[in-house]
Amino acid sequence: MENLKDWELLMRVASNGSMNQTAAELDLSIATVSQKIKDIEAVLGYPIFERTTKKTRLTPEGVQLLAAAKNPLDSFKSFVSDIHSADRMKKSTSPAQYPIRFRDSFFVCAQNLKRRIRKWSLS
């Protein structure tokens, strides 16, 4: 899982306890949410959720996975928010040259962050 949206999807399904509600919130089809979770579980090699017709609950492995991922993801989001705030404080009128999007892989985000920090520190 190299896409931040995958992590967001997993966390939202875990929080909601429902793929239906998550699909509605993200404006996705239930089939898309379900397939994405199956794909992630296939990559990881173990189930993250126990599914019933009414509820979706984390497996013990899913609980461990999301607990381990929560703090780094929150830290990353906070860091990105700080960078965007710093850009606004500099009253830059041009759009960011290296946008950071949560759909990017961790590698792409890290590269863009390094470029933006370098550019920001030089200006």
Foldseek 3Di string as FASTA:
>chain_A
DFFLVLLVLLVVCQVVQDLVVSCVVVVHDSVVSVVSQVVVCVVVVHHQWDDDPVGIHGDPVVVVVNVVVVVVVVVVVVVLVVLVVLVVVVVDPDPDPQDADRRDGPVSNVVSVVVSVVVSVVD
